[in-house]
Amino acid sequence: MAESRVNDKLEIASRLIVEYCPDTGTLSVSTQKRLGEGFTVTPNLVVFYDPVDADVPVGFVMHSAETELKPFLDAILKKQMS
């Protein structure tokens, strides 16, 4: 059962399109090139939905990603090093 979940996660990860622009600090993650309408969750996070099925999220754009994610990444690294 656990192996099946791992395989599902690997399949999804292989389809992800991840782009990061260091000049603007913008991180974009999606499962497809065409994105539908977006919904602003916070001032720095917009979630996009499938243009055909508007109930299915297919990606997000995070502005100031380094600032937003740094506390989480630091905590993960600290835990791994201890």
N, C-alpha and C. Protein backbone atom coordinates (compact mmCIF):
# COMPACT_ATOMS: atom_id res chain seq x y z
N MET A 1 0.82 -1.20 0.00
CA MET A 1 0.00 0.00 0.00
C MET A 1 0.87 1.26 0.00
N ALA A 2 1.87 1.32 0.88
CA ALA A 2 2.74 2.49 0.95
C ALA A 2 3.53 2.65 -0.34
N GLU A 3 3.95 1.54 -0.94
CA GLU A 3 4.70 1.60 -2.20
C GLU A 3 3.85 2.22 -3.30
N SER A 4 2.57 1.91 -3.32
CA SER A 4 1.66 2.48 -4.31
C SER A 4 1.58 3.99 -4.17
N ARG A 5 1.51 4.49 -2.94
CA ARG A 5 1.46 5.94 -2.71
C ARG A 5 2.75 6.60 -3.16
N VAL A 6 3.88 5.96 -2.92
CA VAL A 6 5.17 6.50 -3.35
C VAL A 6 5.20 6.58 -4.87
N ASN A 7 4.76 5.53 -5.55
CA ASN A 7 4.73 5.53 -7.01
C ASN A 7 3.82 6.63 -7.55
N ASP A 8 2.66 6.84 -6.91
CA ASP A 8 1.75 7.91 -7.31
C ASP A 8 2.42 9.27 -7.17
N LYS A 9 3.13 9.47 -6.07
CA LYS A 9 3.81 10.74 -5.84
C LYS A 9 4.92 10.95 -6.87
N LEU A 10 5.66 9.90 -7.19
CA LEU A 10 6.73 10.02 -8.19
C LEU A 10 6.15 10.35 -9.56
N GLU A 11 5.02 9.75 -9.90
CA GLU A 11 4.39 10.03 -11.19
C GLU A 11 3.97 11.49 -11.27
N ILE A 12 3.35 12.00 -10.22
CA ILE A 12 2.94 13.40 -10.20
C ILE A 12 4.15 14.31 -10.27
N ALA A 13 5.18 14.01 -9.50
CA ALA A 13 6.38 14.85 -9.49
C ALA A 13 7.05 14.88 -10.85
N SER A 14 7.00 13.80 -11.60
CA SER A 14 7.64 13.78 -12.92
C SER A 14 6.91 14.67 -13.92
N ARG A 15 5.65 15.01 -13.62
CA ARG A 15 4.88 15.86 -14.53
C ARG A 15 4.90 17.33 -14.12
N LEU A 16 5.51 17.67 -13.01
CA LEU A 16 5.52 19.05 -12.54
C LEU A 16 6.42 19.93 -13.39
N ILE A 17 5.95 21.13 -13.63
CA ILE A 17 6.75 22.16 -14.29
C ILE A 17 7.10 23.16 -13.20
N VAL A 18 8.38 23.26 -12.88
CA VAL A 18 8.83 24.15 -11.81
C VAL A 18 9.75 25.19 -12.41
N GLU A 19 9.43 26.45 -12.17
CA GLU A 19 10.26 27.55 -12.66
C GLU A 19 10.49 28.53 -11.51
N TYR A 20 11.73 28.99 -11.40
CA TYR A 20 12.06 29.98 -10.38
C TYR A 20 12.82 31.11 -11.03
N CYS A 21 12.40 32.33 -10.77
CA CYS A 21 13.08 33.51 -11.30
C CYS A 21 13.77 34.23 -10.14
N PRO A 22 15.09 34.10 -10.03
CA PRO A 22 15.79 34.71 -8.90
C PRO A 22 15.72 36.24 -8.90
N ASP A 23 15.57 36.84 -10.07
CA ASP A 23 15.49 38.31 -10.13
C ASP A 23 14.26 38.84 -9.41
N THR A 24 13.15 38.12 -9.51
CA THR A 24 11.91 38.58 -8.88
C THR A 24 11.53 37.73 -7.66
N GLY A 25 12.21 36.59 -7.47
CA GLY A 25 11.89 35.70 -6.36
C GLY A 25 10.57 34.96 -6.56
N THR A 26 10.18 34.80 -7.83
CA THR A 26 8.90 34.17 -8.14
C THR A 26 9.09 32.68 -8.42
N LEU A 27 8.32 31.85 -7.73
CA LEU A 27 8.32 30.41 -7.91
C LEU A 27 7.00 30.01 -8.55
N SER A 28 7.07 29.26 -9.63
CA SER A 28 5.88 28.79 -10.33
C SER A 28 5.93 27.27 -10.40
N VAL A 29 4.87 26.62 -9.95
CA VAL A 29 4.77 25.16 -9.99
C VAL A 29 3.43 24.81 -10.59
N SER A 30 3.45 23.97 -11.63
CA SER A 30 2.18 23.57 -12.25
C SER A 30 2.31 22.18 -12.85
N THR A 31 1.15 21.60 -13.16
CA THR A 31 1.13 20.28 -13.79
C THR A 31 0.88 20.36 -15.28
N GLN A 32 0.69 21.57 -15.78
CA GLN A 32 0.43 21.73 -17.21
C GLN A 32 0.79 23.15 -17.64
N LYS A 33 0.98 23.31 -18.94
CA LYS A 33 1.34 24.62 -19.49
C LYS A 33 0.18 25.60 -19.42
N ARG A 34 -1.03 25.15 -19.79
CA ARG A 34 -2.19 26.04 -19.79
C ARG A 34 -2.82 26.08 -18.41
N LEU A 35 -2.92 27.27 -17.86
CA LEU A 35 -3.56 27.44 -16.57
C LEU A 35 -4.85 28.22 -16.76
N GLY A 36 -5.83 27.89 -15.97
CA GLY A 36 -7.09 28.60 -16.03
C GLY A 36 -7.07 29.80 -15.11
N GLU A 37 -8.22 30.11 -14.58
CA GLU A 37 -8.37 31.26 -13.70
C GLU A 37 -7.60 31.05 -12.40
N GLY A 38 -7.06 32.15 -11.88
CA GLY A 38 -6.31 32.09 -10.64
C GLY A 38 -7.10 32.68 -9.49
N PHE A 39 -6.78 32.21 -8.29
CA PHE A 39 -7.41 32.69 -7.07
C PHE A 39 -6.30 33.15 -6.12
N THR A 40 -6.35 34.40 -5.70
CA THR A 40 -5.35 34.94 -4.79
C THR A 40 -5.65 34.46 -3.38
N VAL A 41 -4.75 33.63 -2.86
CA VAL A 41 -4.90 33.07 -1.50
C VAL A 41 -4.35 34.06 -0.49
N THR A 42 -3.15 34.57 -0.76
CA THR A 42 -2.51 35.62 0.03
C THR A 42 -1.90 36.60 -0.96
N PRO A 43 -1.41 37.74 -0.51
CA PRO A 43 -0.80 38.67 -1.46
C PRO A 43 0.36 38.07 -2.26
N ASN A 44 1.01 37.04 -1.71
CA ASN A 44 2.15 36.43 -2.39
C ASN A 44 1.86 35.07 -3.01
N LEU A 45 0.62 34.60 -2.96
CA LEU A 45 0.31 33.26 -3.46
C LEU A 45 -0.98 33.26 -4.29
N VAL A 46 -0.85 32.79 -5.53
CA VAL A 46 -2.00 32.66 -6.42
C VAL A 46 -2.08 31.20 -6.86
N VAL A 47 -3.25 30.59 -6.68
CA VAL A 47 -3.49 29.20 -7.09
C VAL A 47 -4.27 29.24 -8.40
N PHE A 48 -3.85 28.41 -9.36
CA PHE A 48 -4.50 28.35 -10.66
C PHE A 48 -5.24 27.03 -10.82
N TYR A 49 -6.32 27.09 -11.59
CA TYR A 49 -7.19 25.93 -11.78
C TYR A 49 -7.19 25.49 -13.23
N ASP A 50 -7.56 24.26 -13.44
CA ASP A 50 -7.66 23.68 -14.78
C ASP A 50 -8.65 24.51 -15.60
N PRO A 51 -8.29 24.87 -16.84
CA PRO A 51 -9.21 25.67 -17.66
C PRO A 51 -10.47 24.91 -18.05
N VAL A 52 -10.43 23.57 -18.02
CA VAL A 52 -11.61 22.77 -18.37
C VAL A 52 -12.43 22.44 -17.13
N ASP A 53 -11.76 22.02 -16.05
CA ASP A 53 -12.44 21.66 -14.80
C ASP A 53 -12.01 22.65 -13.72
N ALA A 54 -12.79 23.67 -13.52
CA ALA A 54 -12.42 24.77 -12.63
C ALA A 54 -12.33 24.38 -11.16
N ASP A 55 -12.67 23.15 -10.82
CA ASP A 55 -12.57 22.68 -9.44
C ASP A 55 -11.22 22.03 -9.14
N VAL A 56 -10.39 21.85 -10.15
CA VAL A 56 -9.13 21.12 -9.99
C VAL A 56 -7.95 22.10 -10.02
N PRO A 57 -7.25 22.26 -8.87
CA PRO A 57 -6.06 23.12 -8.88
C PRO A 57 -4.93 22.43 -9.66
N VAL A 58 -4.25 23.21 -10.49
CA VAL A 58 -3.19 22.63 -11.32
C VAL A 58 -1.86 23.35 -11.16
N GLY A 59 -1.83 24.39 -10.34
CA GLY A 59 -0.56 25.07 -10.16
C GLY A 59 -0.68 26.26 -9.24
N PHE A 60 0.48 26.84 -8.93
CA PHE A 60 0.49 28.06 -8.12
C PHE A 60 1.69 28.90 -8.49
N VAL A 61 1.58 30.18 -8.18
CA VAL A 61 2.68 31.12 -8.32
C VAL A 61 2.88 31.77 -6.96
N MET A 62 4.12 31.73 -6.48
CA MET A 62 4.45 32.36 -5.20
C MET A 62 5.45 33.47 -5.45
N HIS A 63 5.06 34.67 -5.07
CA HIS A 63 5.96 35.82 -5.15
C HIS A 63 6.76 35.88 -3.85
N SER A 64 7.97 36.39 -3.91
CA SER A 64 8.86 36.46 -2.73
C SER A 64 9.03 35.07 -2.12
N ALA A 65 9.22 34.07 -2.98
CA ALA A 65 9.29 32.68 -2.53
C ALA A 65 10.41 32.44 -1.52
N GLU A 66 11.57 33.03 -1.75
CA GLU A 66 12.68 32.80 -0.82
C GLU A 66 12.32 33.28 0.58
N THR A 67 11.71 34.45 0.67
CA THR A 67 11.31 34.99 1.97
C THR A 67 10.22 34.14 2.60
N GLU A 68 9.25 33.72 1.79
CA GLU A 68 8.12 32.93 2.31
C GLU A 68 8.54 31.52 2.76
N LEU A 69 9.46 30.90 2.01
CA LEU A 69 9.82 29.50 2.28
C LEU A 69 11.03 29.33 3.19
N LYS A 70 11.84 30.36 3.37
CA LYS A 70 13.07 30.24 4.13
C LYS A 70 12.87 29.66 5.54
N PRO A 71 11.88 30.12 6.31
CA PRO A 71 11.72 29.53 7.66
C PRO A 71 11.46 28.02 7.62
N PHE A 72 10.71 27.56 6.65
CA PHE A 72 10.42 26.13 6.53
C PHE A 72 11.66 25.35 6.10
N LEU A 73 12.37 25.89 5.13
CA LEU A 73 13.59 25.22 4.66
C LEU A 73 14.65 25.18 5.76
N ASP A 74 14.80 26.27 6.50
CA ASP A 74 15.76 26.29 7.61
C ASP A 74 15.42 25.24 8.65
N ALA A 75 14.13 25.09 8.98
CA ALA A 75 13.71 24.10 9.98
C ALA A 75 13.99 22.68 9.49
N ILE A 76 13.73 22.43 8.21
CA ILE A 76 14.00 21.09 7.65
C ILE A 76 15.49 20.79 7.69
N LEU A 77 16.30 21.74 7.26
CA LEU A 77 17.76 21.55 7.26
C LEU A 77 18.29 21.34 8.68
N LYS A 78 17.77 22.10 9.62
CA LYS A 78 18.21 21.96 11.02
C LYS A 78 17.88 20.57 11.55
N LYS A 79 16.68 20.10 11.22
CA LYS A 79 16.26 18.77 11.69
C LYS A 79 17.12 17.68 11.04
N GLN A 80 17.46 17.84 9.78
CA GLN A 80 18.27 16.85 9.09
C GLN A 80 19.70 16.80 9.63
N MET A 81 20.21 17.93 10.08
CA MET A 81 21.59 18.01 10.55
C MET A 81 21.73 17.53 11.99
N SER A 82 20.62 17.43 12.73
CA SER A 82 20.75 17.01 14.14
C SER A 82 20.60 15.52 14.31
